[in-house]
C-alpha atoms as a PDB file:
ATOM      1  CA  MET A   1       0.000   0.000   0.000  1.00  0.00           C
ATOM      2  CA  SER A   2       1.349   3.430  -0.904  1.00  0.00           C
ATOM      3  CA  ALA A   3       2.069   5.974   1.802  1.00  0.00           C
ATOM      4  CA  PRO A   4      -0.702   8.488   2.442  1.00  0.00           C
ATOM      5  CA  SER A   5      -0.444  12.043   1.184  1.00  0.00           C
ATOM      6  CA  VAL A   6      -0.089  14.449   4.111  1.00  0.00           C
ATOM      7  CA  ILE A   7      -1.600  17.930   4.232  1.00  0.00           C
ATOM      8  CA  ALA A   8      -0.129  20.518   6.593  1.00  0.00           C
ATOM      9  CA  LEU A   9      -2.827  22.640   8.223  1.00  0.00           C
ATOM     10  CA  VAL A  10      -0.708  25.695   8.862  1.00  0.00           C
ATOM     11  CA  GLY A  11      -2.028  27.874  11.656  1.00  0.00           C
ATOM     12  CA  ASP A  12      -2.330  28.166  15.395  1.00  0.00           C
ATOM     13  CA  HIS A  13      -4.949  25.574  16.269  1.00  0.00           C
ATOM     14  CA  ASP A  14      -7.749  26.854  18.479  1.00  0.00           C
ATOM     15  CA  PRO A  15     -10.783  24.580  18.962  1.00  0.00           C
ATOM     16  CA  SER A  16     -12.969  27.604  19.682  1.00  0.00           C
ATOM     17  CA  ILE A  17     -12.523  28.903  16.121  1.00  0.00           C
ATOM     18  CA  VAL A  18     -15.403  27.783  13.917  1.00  0.00           C
ATOM     19  CA  ALA A  19     -13.176  27.255  10.882  1.00  0.00           C
ATOM     20  CA  HIS A  20     -10.855  25.011  12.891  1.00  0.00           C
ATOM     21  CA  GLN A  21     -13.847  22.886  13.878  1.00  0.00           C
ATOM     22  CA  ALA A  22     -14.978  22.682  10.264  1.00  0.00           C
ATOM     23  CA  ILE A  23     -11.709  21.952   8.464  1.00  0.00           C
ATOM     24  CA  PRO A  24     -11.166  18.340   9.622  1.00  0.00           C
ATOM     25  CA  ARG A  25     -14.784  17.518   8.788  1.00  0.00           C
ATOM     26  CA  ALA A  26     -14.482  19.058   5.337  1.00  0.00           C
ATOM     27  CA  LEU A  27     -11.263  17.160   4.688  1.00  0.00           C
ATOM     28  CA  ALA A  28     -12.735  13.877   5.890  1.00  0.00           C
ATOM     29  CA  ALA A  29     -15.717  14.265   3.573  1.00  0.00           C
ATOM     30  CA  ALA A  30     -13.513  15.240   0.628  1.00  0.00           C
ATOM     31  CA  THR A  31     -11.148  12.333   1.198  1.00  0.00           C
ATOM     32  CA  ALA A  32     -14.044   9.887   1.315  1.00  0.00           C
ATOM     33  CA  ALA A  33     -15.476  11.378  -1.863  1.00  0.00           C
ATOM     34  CA  ILE A  34     -12.307  10.926  -3.920  1.00  0.00           C
ATOM     35  CA  GLY A  35     -11.352   7.544  -2.480  1.00  0.00           C
ATOM     36  CA  SER A  36      -7.701   8.351  -1.800  1.00  0.00           C
ATOM     37  CA  ILE A  37      -5.600   8.046   1.345  1.00  0.00           C
ATOM     38  CA  VAL A  38      -5.014  11.621   2.443  1.00  0.00           C
ATOM     39  CA  ILE A  39      -4.299  12.630   6.026  1.00  0.00           C
ATOM     40  CA  TRP A  40      -3.608  15.953   7.703  1.00  0.00           C
ATOM     41  CA  THR A  41      -1.747  17.388  10.643  1.00  0.00           C
ATOM     42  CA  TRP A  42      -1.672  20.788  12.304  1.00  0.00           C
ATOM     43  CA  LEU A  43       1.551  22.739  11.811  1.00  0.00           C
ATOM     44  CA  PRO A  44       1.867  25.770  14.131  1.00  0.00           C
ATOM     45  CA  THR A  45       3.181  28.837  12.372  1.00  0.00           C
ATOM     46  CA  GLU A  46       6.122  29.147  14.753  1.00  0.00           C
ATOM     47  CA  ALA A  47       7.114  25.542  13.950  1.00  0.00           C
ATOM     48  CA  VAL A  48       7.423  26.129  10.183  1.00  0.00           C
ATOM     49  CA  ARG A  49      10.881  25.213   8.903  1.00  0.00           C
ATOM     50  CA  SER A  50      11.523  25.429   5.180  1.00  0.00           C
ATOM     51  CA  ALA A  51      13.780  22.362   5.336  1.00  0.00           C
ATOM     52  CA  ASP A  52      10.820  20.257   6.541  1.00  0.00           C
ATOM     53  CA  LEU A  53       8.124  21.439   4.138  1.00  0.00           C
ATOM     54  CA  GLY A  54       9.033  18.846   1.526  1.00  0.00           C
ATOM     55  CA  ASP A  55       7.512  16.228   3.853  1.00  0.00           C
ATOM     56  CA  PHE A  56       4.030  17.480   2.970  1.00  0.00           C
ATOM     57  CA  ALA A  57       1.997  16.929  -0.193  1.00  0.00           C
ATOM     58  CA  GLY A  58      -0.067  20.085   0.238  1.00  0.00           C
ATOM     59  CA  PHE A  59      -0.680  23.080   2.473  1.00  0.00           C
ATOM     60  CA  TRP A  60      -3.776  24.755   3.839  1.00  0.00           C
ATOM     61  CA  LEU A  61      -3.028  28.125   5.418  1.00  0.00           C
ATOM     62  CA  VAL A  62      -6.029  28.275   7.703  1.00  0.00           C
ATOM     63  CA  PRO A  63      -8.066  31.113   9.241  1.00  0.00           C
ATOM     64  CA  GLY A  64      -7.141  32.433  12.653  1.00  0.00           C
ATOM     65  CA  SER A  65      -4.819  35.370  11.993  1.00  0.00           C
ATOM     66  CA  PRO A  66      -2.976  37.273  13.267  1.00  0.00           C
ATOM     67  CA  TYR A  67      -0.708  34.255  13.446  1.00  0.00           C
ATOM     68  CA  ARG A  68       1.829  33.716  16.189  1.00  0.00           C
ATOM     69  CA  SER A  69       4.498  33.759  13.468  1.00  0.00           C
ATOM     70  CA  MET A  70       3.751  35.826  10.397  1.00  0.00           C
ATOM     71  CA  ASP A  71       7.122  34.744   9.010  1.00  0.00           C
ATOM     72  CA  GLY A  72       6.045  31.093   9.239  1.00  0.00           C
ATOM     73  CA  ALA A  73       2.789  31.780   7.416  1.00  0.00           C
ATOM     74  CA  LEU A  74       4.538  33.736   4.668  1.00  0.00           C
ATOM     75  CA  ALA A  75       7.202  31.046   4.292  1.00  0.00           C
ATOM     76  CA  VAL A  76       4.567  28.411   3.562  1.00  0.00           C
ATOM     77  CA  GLY A  77       2.920  30.616   0.946  1.00  0.00           C
ATOM     78  CA  ARG A  78       6.272  31.163  -0.710  1.00  0.00           C
ATOM     79  CA  TRP A  79       7.377  27.519  -0.571  1.00  0.00           C
ATOM     80  CA  ALA A  80       4.155  26.193  -2.094  1.00  0.00           C
ATOM     81  CA  ARG A  81       4.265  28.870  -4.768  1.00  0.00           C
ATOM     82  CA  GLU A  82       7.872  28.198  -5.746  1.00  0.00           C
ATOM     83  CA  GLU A  83       7.824  24.405  -5.419  1.00  0.00           C
ATOM     84  CA  GLY A  84       4.478  23.850  -7.138  1.00  0.00           C
ATOM     85  CA  ALA A  85       2.814  22.230  -4.116  1.00  0.00           C
ATOM     86  CA  PRO A  86      -0.994  22.389  -3.878  1.00  0.00           C
ATOM     87  CA  PHE A  87      -1.998  25.296  -1.660  1.00  0.00           C
ATOM     88  CA  LEU A  88      -5.276  26.524  -0.240  1.00  0.00           C
ATOM     89  CA  GLY A  89      -5.531  29.703   1.820  1.00  0.00           C
ATOM     90  CA  THR A  90      -8.829  30.683   3.387  1.00  0.00           C
ATOM     91  CA  CYS A  91      -9.644  33.977   5.102  1.00  0.00           C
ATOM     92  CA  GLY A  92      -6.385  35.028   6.819  1.00  0.00           C
ATOM     93  CA  GLY A  93      -4.579  32.375   4.804  1.00  0.00           C
ATOM     94  CA  PHE A  94      -5.550  34.108   1.560  1.00  0.00           C
ATOM     95  CA  GLN A  95      -4.543  37.477   2.976  1.00  0.00           C
ATOM     96  CA  HIS A  96      -1.068  36.220   3.870  1.00  0.00           C
ATOM     97  CA  ALA A  97      -0.635  34.444   0.541  1.00  0.00           C
ATOM     98  CA  LEU A  98      -1.194  37.829  -1.104  1.00  0.00           C
ATOM     99  CA  ILE A  99       1.368  39.499   1.164  1.00  0.00           C
ATOM    100  CA  SER A 100       3.892  36.770   0.328  1.00  0.00           C
ATOM    101  CA  PHE A 101       3.235  37.249  -3.388  1.00  0.00           C
ATOM    102  CA  ALA A 102       3.447  41.034  -3.117  1.00  0.00           C
ATOM    103  CA  ARG A 103       6.783  40.877  -1.318  1.00  0.00           C
ATOM    104  CA  ASP A 104       8.447  38.197  -3.393  1.00  0.00           C
ATOM    105  CA  VAL A 105       6.964  38.614  -6.866  1.00  0.00           C
ATOM    106  CA  ALA A 106       5.244  41.974  -7.289  1.00  0.00           C
ATOM    107  CA  GLY A 107       8.176  44.141  -6.200  1.00  0.00           C
ATOM    108  CA  LEU A 108       6.683  45.288  -2.887  1.00  0.00           C
ATOM    109  CA  PRO A 109       9.146  44.004  -0.265  1.00  0.00           C
ATOM    110  CA  SER A 110       7.526  46.139   2.445  1.00  0.00           C
ATOM    111  CA  ALA A 111       3.998  44.832   1.802  1.00  0.00           C
ATOM    112  CA  ASP A 112       2.204  44.213   5.077  1.00  0.00           C
ATOM    113  CA  HIS A 113      -1.078  43.626   6.883  1.00  0.00           C
ATOM    114  CA  ALA A 114      -2.900  46.571   8.425  1.00  0.00           C
ATOM    115  CA  GLU A 115      -4.109  44.431  11.328  1.00  0.00           C
ATOM    116  CA  THR A 116      -0.607  43.762  12.606  1.00  0.00           C
ATOM    117  CA  CYS A 117       1.105  46.844  11.143  1.00  0.00           C
ATOM    118  CA  PRO A 118      -1.467  49.663  11.019  1.00  0.00           C
ATOM    119  CA  ASP A 119       1.143  52.236   9.979  1.00  0.00           C
ATOM    120  CA  ALA A 120       2.481  50.145   7.082  1.00  0.00           C
ATOM    121  CA  ALA A 121       3.493  52.177   4.051  1.00  0.00           C
ATOM    122  CA  PHE A 122       2.299  49.362   1.776  1.00  0.00           C
ATOM    123  CA  ALA A 123      -0.764  47.900   3.490  1.00  0.00           C
ATOM    124  CA  VAL A 124      -1.678  45.373   0.806  1.00  0.00           C
ATOM    125  CA  ILE A 125      -4.221  43.911   3.232  1.00  0.00           C
ATOM    126  CA  ALA A 126      -6.468  46.606   4.677  1.00  0.00           C
ATOM    127  CA  PRO A 127      -9.795  46.869   6.539  1.00  0.00           C
ATOM    128  CA  LEU A 128     -12.759  46.032   4.355  1.00  0.00           C
ATOM    129  CA  ALA A 129     -15.167  48.864   3.639  1.00  0.00           C
ATOM    130  CA  CYS A 130     -17.856  46.604   5.099  1.00  0.00           C
ATOM    131  CA  GLY A 131     -16.773  43.884   7.495  1.00  0.00           C
ATOM    132  CA  LEU A 132     -17.721  40.299   6.703  1.00  0.00           C
ATOM    133  CA  VAL A 133     -18.041  38.821  10.189  1.00  0.00           C
ATOM    134  CA  GLU A 134     -20.541  35.942  10.227  1.00  0.00           C
ATOM    135  CA  VAL A 135     -21.915  37.094   6.881  1.00  0.00           C
ATOM    136  CA  THR A 136     -22.961  35.017   3.905  1.00  0.00           C
ATOM    137  CA  GLY A 137     -23.020  36.277   0.366  1.00  0.00           C
ATOM    138  CA  LYS A 138     -22.952  35.422  -3.305  1.00  0.00           C
ATOM    139  CA  VAL A 139     -19.583  34.891  -4.956  1.00  0.00           C
ATOM    140  CA  ARG A 140     -19.063  34.884  -8.721  1.00  0.00           C
ATOM    141  CA  PHE A 141     -16.305  32.828 -10.360  1.00  0.00           C
ATOM    142  CA  ALA A 142     -14.322  33.628 -13.486  1.00  0.00           C
ATOM    143  CA  PRO A 143     -14.835  31.088 -16.294  1.00  0.00           C
ATOM    144  CA  GLY A 144     -11.986  28.624 -16.637  1.00  0.00           C
ATOM    145  CA  SER A 145     -10.642  29.270 -13.143  1.00  0.00           C
ATOM    146  CA  HIS A 146      -9.873  26.623 -10.539  1.00  0.00           C
ATOM    147  CA  LEU A 147     -12.759  28.020  -8.524  1.00  0.00           C
ATOM    148  CA  HIS A 148     -15.197  27.760 -11.419  1.00  0.00           C
ATOM    149  CA  ARG A 149     -14.123  24.180 -12.108  1.00  0.00           C
ATOM    150  CA  ALA A 150     -14.316  23.225  -8.429  1.00  0.00           C
ATOM    151  CA  TYR A 151     -17.888  24.432  -8.041  1.00  0.00           C
ATOM    152  CA  GLY A 152     -19.019  23.479 -11.530  1.00  0.00           C
ATOM    153  CA  ALA A 153     -20.943  26.732 -11.588  1.00  0.00           C
ATOM    154  CA  GLY A 154     -20.478  30.438 -12.091  1.00  0.00           C
ATOM    155  CA  GLU A 155     -21.471  31.387  -8.584  1.00  0.00           C
ATOM    156  CA  ALA A 156     -22.060  30.117  -5.069  1.00  0.00           C
ATOM    157  CA  THR A 157     -23.172  31.406  -1.679  1.00  0.00           C
ATOM    158  CA  GLU A 158     -20.458  31.215   0.976  1.00  0.00           C
ATOM    159  CA  GLY A 159     -19.824  32.331   4.549  1.00  0.00           C
ATOM    160  CA  TYR A 160     -17.231  34.706   5.948  1.00  0.00           C
ATOM    161  CA  HIS A 161     -15.612  35.713   9.201  1.00  0.00           C
ATOM    162  CA  CYS A 162     -13.181  38.486   8.288  1.00  0.00           C
ATOM    163  CA  ARG A 163     -12.602  42.206   8.543  1.00  0.00           C
ATOM    164  CA  TYR A 164      -9.662  42.534   6.146  1.00  0.00           C
ATOM    165  CA  GLY A 165      -9.048  41.994   2.452  1.00  0.00           C
ATOM    166  CA  LEU A 166      -7.002  43.109  -0.523  1.00  0.00           C
ATOM    167  CA  ALA A 167      -6.617  46.894  -0.659  1.00  0.00           C
ATOM    168  CA  PRO A 168      -8.064  47.951  -4.036  1.00  0.00           C
ATOM    169  CA  ALA A 169      -4.991  50.057  -4.810  1.00  0.00           C
ATOM    170  CA  TYR A 170      -2.887  46.897  -5.136  1.00  0.00           C
ATOM    171  CA  ARG A 171      -5.250  44.801  -7.195  1.00  0.00           C
ATOM    172  CA  GLU A 172      -3.824  45.748 -10.581  1.00  0.00           C
ATOM    173  CA  ILE A 173      -0.162  45.400  -9.663  1.00  0.00           C
ATOM    174  CA  LEU A 174      -0.660  41.918  -8.208  1.00  0.00           C
ATOM    175  CA  ALA A 175      -2.724  40.894 -11.229  1.00  0.00           C
ATOM    176  CA  SER A 176      -0.068  42.231 -13.598  1.00  0.00           C
ATOM    177  CA  HIS A 177       2.488  39.934 -11.939  1.00  0.00           C
ATOM    178  CA  GLY A 178       0.358  36.806 -12.285  1.00  0.00           C
ATOM    179  CA  PHE A 179      -2.121  36.611  -9.431  1.00  0.00           C
ATOM    180  CA  ARG A 180      -5.512  36.218 -11.063  1.00  0.00           C
ATOM    181  CA  PHE A 181      -8.523  37.404  -9.071  1.00  0.00           C
ATOM    182  CA  THR A 182     -11.203  34.902  -9.981  1.00  0.00           C
ATOM    183  CA  ALA A 183     -13.850  35.343  -7.281  1.00  0.00           C
ATOM    184  CA  THR A 184     -15.765  38.574  -6.743  1.00  0.00           C
ATOM    185  CA  ASP A 185     -18.912  39.711  -5.000  1.00  0.00           C
ATOM    186  CA  ASP A 186     -21.836  41.500  -6.612  1.00  0.00           C
ATOM    187  CA  GLN A 187     -19.954  44.809  -6.409  1.00  0.00           C
ATOM    188  CA  GLY A 188     -16.879  43.350  -8.114  1.00  0.00           C
ATOM    189  CA  ASP A 189     -14.751  43.328  -4.957  1.00  0.00           C
ATOM    190  CA  VAL A 190     -12.115  40.594  -4.638  1.00  0.00           C
ATOM    191  CA  ARG A 191     -13.215  37.528  -2.730  1.00  0.00           C
ATOM    192  CA  GLY A 192     -10.696  34.996  -4.059  1.00  0.00           C
ATOM    193  CA  GLY A 193      -8.006  34.279  -6.574  1.00  0.00           C
ATOM    194  CA  GLU A 194      -5.311  31.948  -7.824  1.00  0.00           C
ATOM    195  CA  LEU A 195      -1.774  31.902  -9.110  1.00  0.00           C
ATOM    196  CA  GLU A 196      -1.483  31.698 -12.882  1.00  0.00           C
ATOM    197  CA  GLY A 197       0.423  28.672 -14.138  1.00  0.00           C
ATOM    198  CA  HIS A 198       0.293  26.806 -10.831  1.00  0.00           C
ATOM    199  CA  ARG A 199      -1.466  23.444 -10.670  1.00  0.00           C
ATOM    200  CA  PHE A 200      -3.412  24.497  -7.566  1.00  0.00           C
ATOM    201  CA  TYR A 201      -2.688  27.682  -5.626  1.00  0.00           C
ATOM    202  CA  VAL A 202      -6.030  29.122  -4.569  1.00  0.00           C
ATOM    203  CA  GLY A 203      -7.116  31.546  -1.875  1.00  0.00           C
ATOM    204  CA  THR A 204     -10.472  32.874  -0.732  1.00  0.00           C
ATOM    205  CA  LEU A 205     -11.707  35.406   1.795  1.00  0.00           C
ATOM    206  CA  PHE A 206     -14.723  33.181   2.367  1.00  0.00           C
ATOM    207  CA  GLN A 207     -14.448  29.964   4.346  1.00  0.00           C
ATOM    208  CA  PRO A 208     -15.649  27.073   2.155  1.00  0.00           C
ATOM    209  CA  GLU A 209     -14.991  24.603   4.972  1.00  0.00           C
ATOM    210  CA  ARG A 210     -18.002  25.908   6.876  1.00  0.00           C
ATOM    211  CA  SER A 211     -20.384  23.918   4.689  1.00  0.00           C
ATOM    212  CA  ALA A 212     -19.132  20.754   6.408  1.00  0.00           C
ATOM    213  CA  LEU A 213     -20.736  21.926   9.657  1.00  0.00           C
ATOM    214  CA  ARG A 214     -24.083  21.765   7.836  1.00  0.00           C
ATOM    215  CA  GLY A 215     -23.359  18.303   6.522  1.00  0.00           C
ATOM    216  CA  GLU A 216     -22.846  19.650   3.004  1.00  0.00           C
ATOM    217  CA  ALA A 217     -20.016  19.077   0.544  1.00  0.00           C
ATOM    218  CA  ALA A 218     -17.265  21.688   0.236  1.00  0.00           C
ATOM    219  CA  PRO A 219     -16.393  21.693  -3.487  1.00  0.00           C
ATOM    220  CA  LEU A 220     -13.243  23.775  -3.153  1.00  0.00           C
ATOM    221  CA  VAL A 221     -11.898  21.549  -0.381  1.00  0.00           C
ATOM    222  CA  GLU A 222     -12.541  18.495  -2.533  1.00  0.00           C
ATOM    223  CA  ALA A 223     -10.705  20.127  -5.459  1.00  0.00           C
ATOM    224  CA  PHE A 224      -7.760  20.866  -3.181  1.00  0.00           C
ATOM    225  CA  VAL A 225      -7.662  17.277  -1.894  1.00  0.00           C
ATOM    226  CA  ARG A 226      -7.790  15.986  -5.470  1.00  0.00           C
ATOM    227  CA  ALA A 227      -4.768  18.123  -6.290  1.00  0.00           C
ATOM    228  CA  VAL A 228      -2.916  16.813  -3.229  1.00  0.00           C
ATOM    229  CA  ALA A 229      -3.717  13.229  -4.210  1.00  0.00           C
ATOM    230  CA  GLY A 230      -2.624  13.841  -7.800  1.00  0.00           C
ATOM    231  CA  LYS A 231      -6.098  13.331  -9.208  1.00  0.00           C
ATOM    232  CA  THR A 232      -6.411  16.597 -11.126  1.00  0.00           C
END
């Protein structure tokens, strides 16, 4: 029997966080649906070591920011991006994937997060005009995107628990360097995106894992698990 594929759930595990309750359930349902042996383990942000990341088949940078180690979170985003490993970032995970991309690829080495650095000169992640704490809303997906393929539809209704997102001023520069914003709300504001040319590097402000708490499938989680298992 082949060894199982291991997903690193990168974040500071807190059983009181709704997303942390939902993620193992969503992964269990996705694994059963695809019929592959995929397991997962929590990797605290302060325990991230680049030399050890090759032990994992995929990475989920989970909600729950600010993280105890921002450097650890950013390192995972960078490693998965550069090494081609499947990556999913939800809520704070998406935000930090964008900071990693801005610093390393888009020529903004001082890019930062307004929550942890409110005086940042380049606050790529800034307070949302309208907070999305315990809010649900419609999300529209760009045709041909990983998100569109995962859901098999042009839109879905998803839940949020966040106050921060991509600052509009940086949308074009990140897009011009290869980060494609493929999920938007009805007003056209960014709600998710993916790295061009990568087999699976997807982030969302919404938390697709929450559907597992209702006993429903999480299409994006299943797509991520398929990528980890090499079934895409």
